[in-house]
């Protein structure tokens, strides 16, 4: 494990959330690049993880206020994943810890 990554996981901001590597990767997928809505299927395909695993991780991140889950206006059976202000703050803090965007 790299020194940079150990620093990230031991940072009080990140440590207090008790993140898994998968949840950090999901946050990165949603918050990297221009803001847009993500579907669960899109995230499962991009990350090559099964849907139940992604859904559980997204639910925890939603409960922490780091992602927002909303029904798709075109198809209420589907869920869209959106960024939140708290999630943006956390990702900015993580970026500073690992030296991205500084």
C-alpha atoms as a PDB file:
ATOM      1  CA  UNK A   1       0.000   0.000   0.000  1.00  0.00           C
ATOM      2  CA  UNK A   2       1.461   3.366  -0.994  1.00  0.00           C
ATOM      3  CA  UNK A   3       2.330   6.047   1.541  1.00  0.00           C
ATOM      4  CA  UNK A   4      -0.143   8.392  -0.164  1.00  0.00           C
ATOM      5  CA  UNK A   5      -2.975   5.864   0.132  1.00  0.00           C
ATOM      6  CA  UNK A   6      -2.177   5.048   3.783  1.00  0.00           C
ATOM      7  CA  UNK A   7      -2.260   8.782   4.454  1.00  0.00           C
ATOM      8  CA  UNK A   8      -5.701   8.986   2.870  1.00  0.00           C
ATOM      9  CA  UNK A   9      -7.178   6.100   4.863  1.00  0.00           C
ATOM     10  CA  UNK A  10      -5.716   7.331   8.158  1.00  0.00           C
ATOM     11  CA  UNK A  11      -6.910  10.908   7.688  1.00  0.00           C
ATOM     12  CA  UNK A  12      -9.524  11.776  10.371  1.00  0.00           C
ATOM     13  CA  UNK A  13     -11.986  13.105   7.764  1.00  0.00           C
ATOM     14  CA  UNK A  14     -11.940   9.865   5.797  1.00  0.00           C
ATOM     15  CA  UNK A  15     -11.441   7.550   8.779  1.00  0.00           C
ATOM     16  CA  UNK A  16     -14.512   8.917  10.566  1.00  0.00           C
ATOM     17  CA  UNK A  17     -16.688   7.771   7.650  1.00  0.00           C
ATOM     18  CA  UNK A  18     -15.375   4.183   7.852  1.00  0.00           C
ATOM     19  CA  UNK A  19     -15.123   3.889   4.062  1.00  0.00           C
ATOM     20  CA  UNK A  20     -14.351   0.748   2.139  1.00  0.00           C
ATOM     21  CA  UNK A  21     -12.096   0.905  -0.901  1.00  0.00           C
ATOM     22  CA  UNK A  22     -15.152   0.235  -3.054  1.00  0.00           C
ATOM     23  CA  UNK A  23     -17.006   3.230  -1.597  1.00  0.00           C
ATOM     24  CA  UNK A  24     -14.026   5.494  -2.211  1.00  0.00           C
ATOM     25  CA  UNK A  25     -13.864   4.206  -5.799  1.00  0.00           C
ATOM     26  CA  UNK A  26     -17.600   4.901  -6.255  1.00  0.00           C
ATOM     27  CA  UNK A  27     -17.153   8.422  -4.924  1.00  0.00           C
ATOM     28  CA  UNK A  28     -14.282   8.952  -7.337  1.00  0.00           C
ATOM     29  CA  UNK A  29     -16.360   7.650 -10.267  1.00  0.00           C
ATOM     30  CA  UNK A  30     -19.213  10.046  -9.471  1.00  0.00           C
ATOM     31  CA  UNK A  31     -17.125  13.085  -8.562  1.00  0.00           C
ATOM     32  CA  UNK A  32     -14.361  12.821 -11.173  1.00  0.00           C
ATOM     33  CA  UNK A  33     -14.970  15.003 -14.215  1.00  0.00           C
ATOM     34  CA  UNK A  34     -17.923  17.222 -15.073  1.00  0.00           C
ATOM     35  CA  UNK A  35     -21.081  16.966 -12.966  1.00  0.00           C
ATOM     36  CA  UNK A  36     -23.692  14.614 -14.389  1.00  0.00           C
ATOM     37  CA  UNK A  37     -26.205  12.061 -13.204  1.00  0.00           C
ATOM     38  CA  UNK A  38     -25.203   8.410 -13.022  1.00  0.00           C
ATOM     39  CA  UNK A  39     -27.390   5.356 -13.163  1.00  0.00           C
ATOM     40  CA  UNK A  40     -26.677   2.304 -11.031  1.00  0.00           C
ATOM     41  CA  UNK A  41     -26.285   0.177 -14.169  1.00  0.00           C
ATOM     42  CA  UNK A  42     -23.752   2.635 -15.553  1.00  0.00           C
ATOM     43  CA  UNK A  43     -21.699   2.486 -12.357  1.00  0.00           C
ATOM     44  CA  UNK A  44     -21.828  -1.317 -12.216  1.00  0.00           C
ATOM     45  CA  UNK A  45     -20.599  -1.526 -15.809  1.00  0.00           C
ATOM     46  CA  UNK A  46     -17.883   1.089 -15.323  1.00  0.00           C
ATOM     47  CA  UNK A  47     -16.574  -0.463 -12.120  1.00  0.00           C
ATOM     48  CA  UNK A  48     -17.249  -4.096 -13.092  1.00  0.00           C
ATOM     49  CA  UNK A  49     -18.984  -4.804  -9.781  1.00  0.00           C
ATOM     50  CA  UNK A  50     -22.331  -6.570  -9.332  1.00  0.00           C
ATOM     51  CA  UNK A  51     -25.454  -4.472  -8.811  1.00  0.00           C
ATOM     52  CA  UNK A  52     -26.253  -5.544  -5.206  1.00  0.00           C
ATOM     53  CA  UNK A  53     -22.748  -4.576  -4.088  1.00  0.00           C
ATOM     54  CA  UNK A  54     -22.953  -1.171  -5.774  1.00  0.00           C
ATOM     55  CA  UNK A  55     -26.444  -0.603  -4.378  1.00  0.00           C
ATOM     56  CA  UNK A  56     -25.319  -1.304  -0.786  1.00  0.00           C
ATOM     57  CA  UNK A  57     -22.321   0.991  -1.132  1.00  0.00           C
ATOM     58  CA  UNK A  58     -24.417   3.752  -2.680  1.00  0.00           C
ATOM     59  CA  UNK A  59     -26.974   3.445   0.115  1.00  0.00           C
ATOM     60  CA  UNK A  60     -24.302   3.982   2.771  1.00  0.00           C
ATOM     61  CA  UNK A  61     -22.894   6.989   0.908  1.00  0.00           C
ATOM     62  CA  UNK A  62     -26.427   8.349   0.537  1.00  0.00           C
ATOM     63  CA  UNK A  63     -27.092   7.878   4.272  1.00  0.00           C
ATOM     64  CA  UNK A  64     -23.909   9.865   4.991  1.00  0.00           C
ATOM     65  CA  UNK A  65     -25.146  12.662   2.716  1.00  0.00           C
ATOM     66  CA  UNK A  66     -22.272  12.187   0.265  1.00  0.00           C
ATOM     67  CA  UNK A  67     -24.430  11.129  -2.682  1.00  0.00           C
ATOM     68  CA  UNK A  68     -28.063  11.716  -3.521  1.00  0.00           C
ATOM     69  CA  UNK A  69     -30.318   8.969  -4.864  1.00  0.00           C
ATOM     70  CA  UNK A  70     -33.341  10.123  -6.852  1.00  0.00           C
ATOM     71  CA  UNK A  71     -35.898   8.366  -8.999  1.00  0.00           C
ATOM     72  CA  UNK A  72     -35.273   8.786 -12.716  1.00  0.00           C
ATOM     73  CA  UNK A  73     -37.965  11.198 -13.997  1.00  0.00           C
ATOM     74  CA  UNK A  74     -38.259   9.180 -17.225  1.00  0.00           C
ATOM     75  CA  UNK A  75     -38.525   5.796 -15.492  1.00  0.00           C
ATOM     76  CA  UNK A  76     -39.376   5.759 -11.775  1.00  0.00           C
ATOM     77  CA  UNK A  77     -38.033   2.215 -11.435  1.00  0.00           C
ATOM     78  CA  UNK A  78     -34.509   3.486 -12.040  1.00  0.00           C
ATOM     79  CA  UNK A  79     -32.338   5.526  -9.673  1.00  0.00           C
ATOM     80  CA  UNK A  80     -30.074   8.413 -10.566  1.00  0.00           C
ATOM     81  CA  UNK A  81     -26.993   9.160  -8.479  1.00  0.00           C
ATOM     82  CA  UNK A  82     -26.160  12.814  -7.980  1.00  0.00           C
ATOM     83  CA  UNK A  83     -23.454  14.801  -6.233  1.00  0.00           C
ATOM     84  CA  UNK A  84     -24.042  16.631  -2.968  1.00  0.00           C
ATOM     85  CA  UNK A  85     -22.336  19.619  -1.408  1.00  0.00           C
ATOM     86  CA  UNK A  86     -20.967  17.472   1.448  1.00  0.00           C
ATOM     87  CA  UNK A  87     -19.648  14.938  -1.041  1.00  0.00           C
ATOM     88  CA  UNK A  88     -17.898  17.685  -3.002  1.00  0.00           C
ATOM     89  CA  UNK A  89     -16.280  18.962   0.208  1.00  0.00           C
ATOM     90  CA  UNK A  90     -15.076  15.476   1.127  1.00  0.00           C
ATOM     91  CA  UNK A  91     -13.663  14.828  -2.336  1.00  0.00           C
ATOM     92  CA  UNK A  92     -11.864  18.202  -2.243  1.00  0.00           C
ATOM     93  CA  UNK A  93     -10.352  17.220   1.129  1.00  0.00           C
ATOM     94  CA  UNK A  94      -9.297  13.839  -0.267  1.00  0.00           C
ATOM     95  CA  UNK A  95      -7.777  15.599  -3.273  1.00  0.00           C
ATOM     96  CA  UNK A  96      -5.677  17.742  -0.965  1.00  0.00           C
ATOM     97  CA  UNK A  97      -4.543  14.709   1.041  1.00  0.00           C
ATOM     98  CA  UNK A  98      -3.365  12.835  -2.044  1.00  0.00           C
ATOM     99  CA  UNK A  99      -2.065  15.956  -3.779  1.00  0.00           C
ATOM    100  CA  UNK A 100      -4.646  16.159  -6.568  1.00  0.00           C
ATOM    101  CA  UNK A 101      -5.803  19.606  -7.598  1.00  0.00           C
ATOM    102  CA  UNK A 102      -3.248  21.439  -5.478  1.00  0.00           C
END
